[in-house]
Amino acid sequence: MLQCCTICGRTISDRELHETLENHIIDAIGQEHPEWMESDGACARCVEHYRRILARRREPPIRRSTPWWRRLFPWL
């Protein structure tokens, strides 16, 4: 049977629908889509999208090195 993902609107089969999700993914989806309910489930693409977003939030920020011109001209 075909269904519509309530997050992205894609038409998906029952097998593609994730009905059991981790709490942190449920929270992230709920923040961006307040109308979404956990019982609606989410398609695999949306679940992966939110996993990537949450993984990026947990990564430490990239430490940028000093630009070359700042090392040569520190008074600028």
PDB file of N, CA and C in Angstrom:
ATOM      1  N   MET A   1       0.836  -1.178   0.000  1.00  0.00           N
ATOM      2  CA  MET A   1       0.000   0.000   0.000  1.00  0.00           C
ATOM      3  C   MET A   1       0.886   1.249   0.000  1.00  0.00           C
ATOM      4  N   LEU A   2       0.498   2.263  -0.750  1.00  0.00           N
ATOM      5  CA  LEU A   2       1.273   3.492  -0.832  1.00  0.00           C
ATOM      6  C   LEU A   2       0.754   4.507   0.172  1.00  0.00           C
ATOM      7  N   GLN A   3       1.704   5.254   0.727  1.00  0.00           N
ATOM      8  CA  GLN A   3       1.384   6.316   1.678  1.00  0.00           C
ATOM      9  C   GLN A   3       2.175   7.557   1.302  1.00  0.00           C
ATOM     10  N   CYS A   4       1.848   8.642   1.952  1.00  0.00           N
ATOM     11  CA  CYS A   4       2.558   9.892   1.734  1.00  0.00           C
ATOM     12  C   CYS A   4       3.330  10.225   3.009  1.00  0.00           C
ATOM     13  N   CYS A   5       4.615  10.501   2.882  1.00  0.00           N
ATOM     14  CA  CYS A   5       5.406  10.919   4.042  1.00  0.00           C
ATOM     15  C   CYS A   5       4.904  12.301   4.458  1.00  0.00           C
ATOM     16  N   THR A   6       4.516  12.442   5.709  1.00  0.00           N
ATOM     17  CA  THR A   6       3.956  13.712   6.164  1.00  0.00           C
ATOM     18  C   THR A   6       5.015  14.793   6.351  1.00  0.00           C
ATOM     19  N   ILE A   7       6.287  14.430   6.248  1.00  0.00           N
ATOM     20  CA  ILE A   7       7.365  15.409   6.401  1.00  0.00           C
ATOM     21  C   ILE A   7       7.757  16.000   5.046  1.00  0.00           C
ATOM     22  N   CYS A   8       8.060  15.132   4.080  1.00  0.00           N
ATOM     23  CA  CYS A   8       8.534  15.623   2.780  1.00  0.00           C
ATOM     24  C   CYS A   8       7.480  15.540   1.680  1.00  0.00           C
ATOM     25  N   GLY A   9       6.429  14.767   1.900  1.00  0.00           N
ATOM     26  CA  GLY A   9       5.373  14.655   0.898  1.00  0.00           C
ATOM     27  C   GLY A   9       5.610  13.599  -0.164  1.00  0.00           C
ATOM     28  N   ARG A  10       6.723  12.874  -0.061  1.00  0.00           N
ATOM     29  CA  ARG A  10       7.013  11.809  -1.028  1.00  0.00           C
ATOM     30  C   ARG A  10       6.038  10.657  -0.868  1.00  0.00           C
ATOM     31  N   THR A  11       5.671  10.030  -1.981  1.00  0.00           N
ATOM     32  CA  THR A  11       4.849   8.831  -1.940  1.00  0.00           C
ATOM     33  C   THR A  11       5.772   7.646  -1.708  1.00  0.00           C
ATOM     34  N   ILE A  12       5.470   6.865  -0.692  1.00  0.00           N
ATOM     35  CA  ILE A  12       6.325   5.744  -0.306  1.00  0.00           C
ATOM     36  C   ILE A  12       5.467   4.513  -0.040  1.00  0.00           C
ATOM     37  N   SER A  13       6.117   3.362  -0.061  1.00  0.00           N
ATOM     38  CA  SER A  13       5.416   2.123   0.279  1.00  0.00           C
ATOM     39  C   SER A  13       5.473   1.917   1.787  1.00  0.00           C
ATOM     40  N   ASP A  14       4.656   1.017   2.276  1.00  0.00           N
ATOM     41  CA  ASP A  14       4.646   0.721   3.717  1.00  0.00           C
ATOM     42  C   ASP A  14       6.015   0.267   4.202  1.00  0.00           C
ATOM     43  N   ARG A  15       6.753  -0.435   3.345  1.00  0.00           N
ATOM     44  CA  ARG A  15       8.067  -0.950   3.748  1.00  0.00           C
ATOM     45  C   ARG A  15       9.085   0.165   3.947  1.00  0.00           C
ATOM     46  N   GLU A  16       8.891   1.289   3.265  1.00  0.00           N
ATOM     47  CA  GLU A  16       9.829   2.410   3.396  1.00  0.00           C
ATOM     48  C   GLU A  16       9.546   3.294   4.604  1.00  0.00           C
ATOM     49  N   LEU A  17       8.418   3.092   5.247  1.00  0.00           N
ATOM     50  CA  LEU A  17       8.019   3.944   6.354  1.00  0.00           C
ATOM     51  C   LEU A  17       8.665   3.483   7.650  1.00  0.00           C
ATOM     52  N   HIS A  18       9.354   4.398   8.309  1.00  0.00           N
ATOM     53  CA  HIS A  18       9.945   4.119   9.620  1.00  0.00           C
ATOM     54  C   HIS A  18       8.915   4.497  10.671  1.00  0.00           C
ATOM     55  N   GLU A  19       8.414   3.514  11.384  1.00  0.00           N
ATOM     56  CA  GLU A  19       7.396   3.803  12.400  1.00  0.00           C
ATOM     57  C   GLU A  19       7.988   3.911  13.794  1.00  0.00           C
ATOM     58  N   THR A  20       9.133   3.282  14.018  1.00  0.00           N
ATOM     59  CA  THR A  20       9.787   3.401  15.321  1.00  0.00           C
ATOM     60  C   THR A  20      11.056   4.226  15.127  1.00  0.00           C
ATOM     61  N   LEU A  21      11.124   5.343  15.828  1.00  0.00           N
ATOM     62  CA  LEU A  21      12.249   6.265  15.694  1.00  0.00           C
ATOM     63  C   LEU A  21      12.872   6.527  17.053  1.00  0.00           C
ATOM     64  N   GLU A  22      14.147   6.907  17.040  1.00  0.00           N
ATOM     65  CA  GLU A  22      14.831   7.261  18.275  1.00  0.00           C
ATOM     66  C   GLU A  22      14.293   8.598  18.780  1.00  0.00           C
ATOM     67  N   ASN A  23      14.341   8.785  20.082  1.00  0.00           N
ATOM     68  CA  ASN A  23      13.780   9.996  20.700  1.00  0.00           C
ATOM     69  C   ASN A  23      14.409  11.279  20.172  1.00  0.00           C
ATOM     70  N   HIS A  24      15.730  11.280  19.948  1.00  0.00           N
ATOM     71  CA  HIS A  24      16.374  12.513  19.477  1.00  0.00           C
ATOM     72  C   HIS A  24      15.924  12.868  18.058  1.00  0.00           C
ATOM     73  N   ILE A  25      15.612  11.872  17.241  1.00  0.00           N
ATOM     74  CA  ILE A  25      15.107  12.143  15.890  1.00  0.00           C
ATOM     75  C   ILE A  25      13.673  12.660  15.974  1.00  0.00           C
ATOM     76  N   ILE A  26      12.878  12.072  16.858  1.00  0.00           N
ATOM     77  CA  ILE A  26      11.504  12.529  17.063  1.00  0.00           C
ATOM     78  C   ILE A  26      11.509  13.999  17.481  1.00  0.00           C
ATOM     79  N   ASP A  27      12.391  14.355  18.401  1.00  0.00           N
ATOM     80  CA  ASP A  27      12.483  15.743  18.873  1.00  0.00           C
ATOM     81  C   ASP A  27      12.880  16.692  17.747  1.00  0.00           C
ATOM     82  N   ALA A  28      13.862  16.283  16.942  1.00  0.00           N
ATOM     83  CA  ALA A  28      14.342  17.140  15.853  1.00  0.00           C
ATOM     84  C   ALA A  28      13.255  17.355  14.805  1.00  0.00           C
ATOM     85  N   ILE A  29      12.538  16.302  14.453  1.00  0.00           N
ATOM     86  CA  ILE A  29      11.454  16.437  13.476  1.00  0.00           C
ATOM     87  C   ILE A  29      10.356  17.328  14.044  1.00  0.00           C
ATOM     88  N   GLY A  30      10.003  17.120  15.308  1.00  0.00           N
ATOM     89  CA  GLY A  30       8.952  17.906  15.946  1.00  0.00           C
ATOM     90  C   GLY A  30       9.266  19.386  16.016  1.00  0.00           C
ATOM     91  N   GLN A  31      10.550  19.740  16.134  1.00  0.00           N
ATOM     92  CA  GLN A  31      10.937  21.155  16.180  1.00  0.00           C
ATOM     93  C   GLN A  31      10.687  21.834  14.841  1.00  0.00           C
ATOM     94  N   GLU A  32      10.968  21.146  13.751  1.00  0.00           N
ATOM     95  CA  GLU A  32      10.801  21.738  12.428  1.00  0.00           C
ATOM     96  C   GLU A  32       9.397  21.541  11.868  1.00  0.00           C
ATOM     97  N   HIS A  33       8.713  20.508  12.319  1.00  0.00           N
ATOM     98  CA  HIS A  33       7.374  20.191  11.817  1.00  0.00           C
ATOM     99  C   HIS A  33       6.435  19.958  12.998  1.00  0.00           C
ATOM    100  N   PRO A  34       5.951  21.026  13.626  1.00  0.00           N
ATOM    101  CA  PRO A  34       5.108  20.865  14.810  1.00  0.00           C
ATOM    102  C   PRO A  34       3.811  20.103  14.536  1.00  0.00           C
ATOM    103  N   GLU A  35       3.355  20.099  13.284  1.00  0.00           N
ATOM    104  CA  GLU A  35       2.123  19.386  12.945  1.00  0.00           C
ATOM    105  C   GLU A  35       2.337  17.872  12.846  1.00  0.00           C
ATOM    106  N   TRP A  36       3.596  17.446  12.771  1.00  0.00           N
ATOM    107  CA  TRP A  36       3.925  16.031  12.625  1.00  0.00           C
ATOM    108  C   TRP A  36       3.719  15.316  13.954  1.00  0.00           C
ATOM    109  N   MET A  37       3.209  14.098  13.857  1.00  0.00           N
ATOM    110  CA  MET A  37       3.029  13.274  15.054  1.00  0.00           C
ATOM    111  C   MET A  37       3.857  12.002  14.896  1.00  0.00           C
ATOM    112  N   GLU A  38       4.358  11.495  15.997  1.00  0.00           N
ATOM    113  CA  GLU A  38       5.204  10.297  15.974  1.00  0.00           C
ATOM    114  C   GLU A  38       4.498   9.133  15.291  1.00  0.00           C
ATOM    115  N   SER A  39       3.205   9.020  15.469  1.00  0.00           N
ATOM    116  CA  SER A  39       2.453   7.917  14.868  1.00  0.00           C
ATOM    117  C   SER A  39       2.405   8.003  13.343  1.00  0.00           C
ATOM    118  N   ASP A  40       2.717   9.185  12.776  1.00  0.00           N
ATOM    119  CA  ASP A  40       2.755   9.335  11.318  1.00  0.00           C
ATOM    120  C   ASP A  40       3.931   8.591  10.707  1.00  0.00           C
ATOM    121  N   GLY A  41       4.992   8.426  11.482  1.00  0.00           N
ATOM    122  CA  GLY A  41       6.205   7.808  10.953  1.00  0.00           C
ATOM    123  C   GLY A  41       6.945   8.776  10.039  1.00  0.00           C
ATOM    124  N   ALA A  42       7.971   8.289   9.376  1.00  0.00           N
ATOM    125  CA  ALA A  42       8.763   9.100   8.453  1.00  0.00           C
ATOM    126  C   ALA A  42       9.413   8.185   7.430  1.00  0.00           C
ATOM    127  N   CYS A  43       9.643   8.711   6.236  1.00  0.00           N
ATOM    128  CA  CYS A  43      10.301   7.896   5.209  1.00  0.00           C
ATOM    129  C   CYS A  43      11.800   7.790   5.521  1.00  0.00           C
ATOM    130  N   ALA A  44      12.444   6.829   4.902  1.00  0.00           N
ATOM    131  CA  ALA A  44      13.864   6.577   5.151  1.00  0.00           C
ATOM    132  C   ALA A  44      14.717   7.799   4.811  1.00  0.00           C
ATOM    133  N   ARG A  45      14.348   8.520   3.772  1.00  0.00           N
ATOM    134  CA  ARG A  45      15.114   9.704   3.364  1.00  0.00           C
ATOM    135  C   ARG A  45      15.059  10.781   4.437  1.00  0.00           C
ATOM    136  N   CYS A  46      13.877  11.000   5.021  1.00  0.00           N
ATOM    137  CA  CYS A  46      13.734  12.011   6.072  1.00  0.00           C
ATOM    138  C   CYS A  46      14.480  11.596   7.340  1.00  0.00           C
ATOM    139  N   VAL A  47      14.384  10.324   7.699  1.00  0.00           N
ATOM    140  CA  VAL A  47      15.090   9.841   8.889  1.00  0.00           C
ATOM    141  C   VAL A  47      16.592  10.039   8.715  1.00  0.00           C
ATOM    142  N   GLU A  48      17.109   9.702   7.551  1.00  0.00           N
ATOM    143  CA  GLU A  48      18.545   9.870   7.304  1.00  0.00           C
ATOM    144  C   GLU A  48      18.927  11.352   7.315  1.00  0.00           C
ATOM    145  N   HIS A  49      18.077  12.190   6.774  1.00  0.00           N
ATOM    146  CA  HIS A  49      18.322  13.637   6.768  1.00  0.00           C
ATOM    147  C   HIS A  49      18.481  14.154   8.203  1.00  0.00           C
ATOM    148  N   TYR A  50      17.581  13.773   9.088  1.00  0.00           N
ATOM    149  CA  TYR A  50      17.664  14.242  10.475  1.00  0.00           C
ATOM    150  C   TYR A  50      18.826  13.593  11.224  1.00  0.00           C
ATOM    151  N   ARG A  51      19.187  12.382  10.889  1.00  0.00           N
ATOM    152  CA  ARG A  51      20.377  11.770  11.510  1.00  0.00           C
ATOM    153  C   ARG A  51      21.627  12.555  11.149  1.00  0.00           C
ATOM    154  N   ARG A  52      21.717  12.975   9.874  1.00  0.00           N
ATOM    155  CA  ARG A  52      22.882  13.765   9.442  1.00  0.00           C
ATOM    156  C   ARG A  52      22.915  15.116  10.143  1.00  0.00           C
ATOM    157  N   ILE A  53      21.776  15.772  10.262  1.00  0.00           N
ATOM    158  CA  ILE A  53      21.713  17.065  10.946  1.00  0.00           C
ATOM    159  C   ILE A  53      22.186  16.923  12.390  1.00  0.00           C
ATOM    160  N   LEU A  54      21.687  15.907  13.081  1.00  0.00           N
ATOM    161  CA  LEU A  54      22.066  15.714  14.480  1.00  0.00           C
ATOM    162  C   LEU A  54      23.532  15.329  14.619  1.00  0.00           C
ATOM    163  N   ALA A  55      24.062  14.567  13.667  1.00  0.00           N
ATOM    164  CA  ALA A  55      25.482  14.200  13.708  1.00  0.00           C
ATOM    165  C   ALA A  55      26.350  15.442  13.539  1.00  0.00           C
ATOM    166  N   ARG A  56      25.944  16.356  12.653  1.00  0.00           N
ATOM    167  CA  ARG A  56      26.707  17.595  12.456  1.00  0.00           C
ATOM    168  C   ARG A  56      26.695  18.457  13.700  1.00  0.00           C
ATOM    169  N   ARG A  57      25.592  18.451  14.417  1.00  0.00           N
ATOM    170  CA  ARG A  57      25.515  19.249  15.647  1.00  0.00           C
ATOM    171  C   ARG A  57      26.447  18.711  16.716  1.00  0.00           C
ATOM    172  N   ARG A  58      26.692  17.407  16.703  1.00  0.00           N
ATOM    173  CA  ARG A  58      27.553  16.802  17.724  1.00  0.00           C
ATOM    174  C   ARG A  58      29.028  16.928  17.394  1.00  0.00           C
ATOM    175  N   GLU A  59      29.353  17.174  16.125  1.00  0.00           N
ATOM    176  CA  GLU A  59      30.767  17.291  15.741  1.00  0.00           C
ATOM    177  C   GLU A  59      31.354  18.570  16.318  1.00  0.00           C
ATOM    178  N   PRO A  60      32.604  18.515  16.767  1.00  0.00           N
ATOM    179  CA  PRO A  60      33.237  19.745  17.247  1.00  0.00           C
ATOM    180  C   PRO A  60      33.442  20.704  16.080  1.00  0.00           C
ATOM    181  N   PRO A  61      33.387  21.988  16.336  1.00  0.00           N
ATOM    182  CA  PRO A  61      33.589  22.952  15.246  1.00  0.00           C
ATOM    183  C   PRO A  61      34.987  22.815  14.652  1.00  0.00           C
ATOM    184  N   ILE A  62      35.080  23.091  13.384  1.00  0.00           N
ATOM    185  CA  ILE A  62      36.364  23.009  12.690  1.00  0.00           C
ATOM    186  C   ILE A  62      37.225  24.192  13.124  1.00  0.00           C
ATOM    187  N   ARG A  63      38.419  23.895  13.579  1.00  0.00           N
ATOM    188  CA  ARG A  63      39.329  24.963  13.992  1.00  0.00           C
ATOM    189  C   ARG A  63      40.069  25.457  12.762  1.00  0.00           C
ATOM    190  N   ARG A  64      39.866  26.689  12.487  1.00  0.00           N
ATOM    191  CA  ARG A  64      40.507  27.272  11.310  1.00  0.00           C
ATOM    192  C   ARG A  64      41.869  27.832  11.711  1.00  0.00           C
ATOM    193  N   SER A  65      42.817  27.621  10.844  1.00  0.00           N
ATOM    194  CA  SER A  65      44.148  28.150  11.123  1.00  0.00           C
ATOM    195  C   SER A  65      44.180  29.641  10.790  1.00  0.00           C
ATOM    196  N   THR A  66      45.174  30.314  11.271  1.00  0.00           N
ATOM    197  CA  THR A  66      45.342  31.738  11.010  1.00  0.00           C
ATOM    198  C   THR A  66      45.639  31.923   9.526  1.00  0.00           C
ATOM    199  N   PRO A  67      44.981  32.899   8.888  1.00  0.00           N
ATOM    200  CA  PRO A  67      45.259  33.138   7.466  1.00  0.00           C
ATOM    201  C   PRO A  67      46.715  33.535   7.256  1.00  0.00           C
ATOM    202  N   TRP A  68      47.252  33.203   6.112  1.00  0.00           N
ATOM    203  CA  TRP A  68      48.662  33.465   5.818  1.00  0.00           C
ATOM    204  C   TRP A  68      48.981  34.941   5.943  1.00  0.00           C
ATOM    205  N   TRP A  69      48.070  35.806   5.507  1.00  0.00           N
ATOM    206  CA  TRP A  69      48.351  37.237   5.551  1.00  0.00           C
ATOM    207  C   TRP A  69      48.383  37.767   6.984  1.00  0.00           C
ATOM    208  N   ARG A  70      47.662  37.120   7.895  1.00  0.00           N
ATOM    209  CA  ARG A  70      47.675  37.554   9.293  1.00  0.00           C
ATOM    210  C   ARG A  70      49.028  37.215   9.936  1.00  0.00           C
ATOM    211  N   ARG A  71      49.649  36.118   9.518  1.00  0.00           N
ATOM    212  CA  ARG A  71      50.968  35.757  10.047  1.00  0.00           C
ATOM    213  C   ARG A  71      52.044  36.707   9.518  1.00  0.00           C
ATOM    214  N   LEU A  72      51.895  37.136   8.269  1.00  0.00           N
ATOM    215  CA  LEU A  72      52.871  38.054   7.684  1.00  0.00           C
ATOM    216  C   LEU A  72      52.662  39.492   8.127  1.00  0.00           C
ATOM    217  N   PHE A  73      51.416  39.890   8.315  1.00  0.00           N
ATOM    218  CA  PHE A  73      51.079  41.256   8.675  1.00  0.00           C
ATOM    219  C   PHE A  73      50.171  41.274   9.894  1.00  0.00           C
ATOM    220  N   PRO A  74      50.715  40.940  11.080  1.00  0.00           N
ATOM    221  CA  PRO A  74      49.872  40.815  12.268  1.00  0.00           C
ATOM    222  C   PRO A  74      49.240  42.141  12.713  1.00  0.00           C
ATOM    223  N   TRP A  75      49.750  43.279  12.280  1.00  0.00           N
ATOM    224  CA  TRP A  75      49.189  44.566  12.702  1.00  0.00           C
ATOM    225  C   TRP A  75      47.932  44.936  11.937  1.00  0.00           C
ATOM    226  N   LEU A  76      47.582  44.187  10.885  1.00  0.00           N
ATOM    227  CA  LEU A  76      46.370  44.505  10.109  1.00  0.00           C
ATOM    228  C   LEU A  76      45.121  44.069  10.836  1.00  0.00           C
TER     229      LEU A  76
END
